[in-house]
Amino acid sequence: PYTLWPGLSKPGLWMYFVSHLAALARTCPMPVRPPVLDQGRFLLDRTAERQARDLYWEVISEDPRDKSKVDNNITKLTHALVLNPYLAEPHTLLAQCYLIKDDFPAALTAADKAVDLFLQWGTNWDKRVSFEAWMAWTRVLLQHAEDRTPWHGNSWGVINLGLVR
């Protein structure tokens, strides 16, 4: 079998291990603790990590033209974040879903949280595109939420997404 770039590249299951390493690091005397995983206080369950990743992947795998699934995608992403609240990318997708529904306050909250988490990690979890691309896209969504700009219903609007402050 072959895959085309960027391929499926489902995000890996590594945050469970990182959460345990961060908890271990808390036992060492350190003047500053990394902000990730609530400074090492959050231990991620393996099953929760897999379930969160799989819910996220279900949303990613949906036909993006089917707007009737937006509410269902919001439910899946919200549940994924209950299971693993330290993922930035589901917050980014939530922001876009909320913009599609013209729910600007919810979109603002989701995009702001995504930016915060991306900056805490300094990397992205979903490696299909670069960290810089995730940050740029999330900032576009954040700007739309701040400006209360309705989401684009045609390709011309999407082309103009590059016109950011």
Foldseek 3Di string as FASTA:
>chain_A
DDADPPGLQQFDQCVQVVLCVQLVVVVDDDPDAQPAPNSSPHHADSVLSVQLSVLVSVLVPDDVVPLVCLVVNLVSLVSSCVRPVLALVSLLVNLVSCLQVLVLVSNLVSLVSSLVSCVSVVFHRRVSDGSVVSNLSSVLSNVCSVVSPRDDPDPVSVVCSVPDD
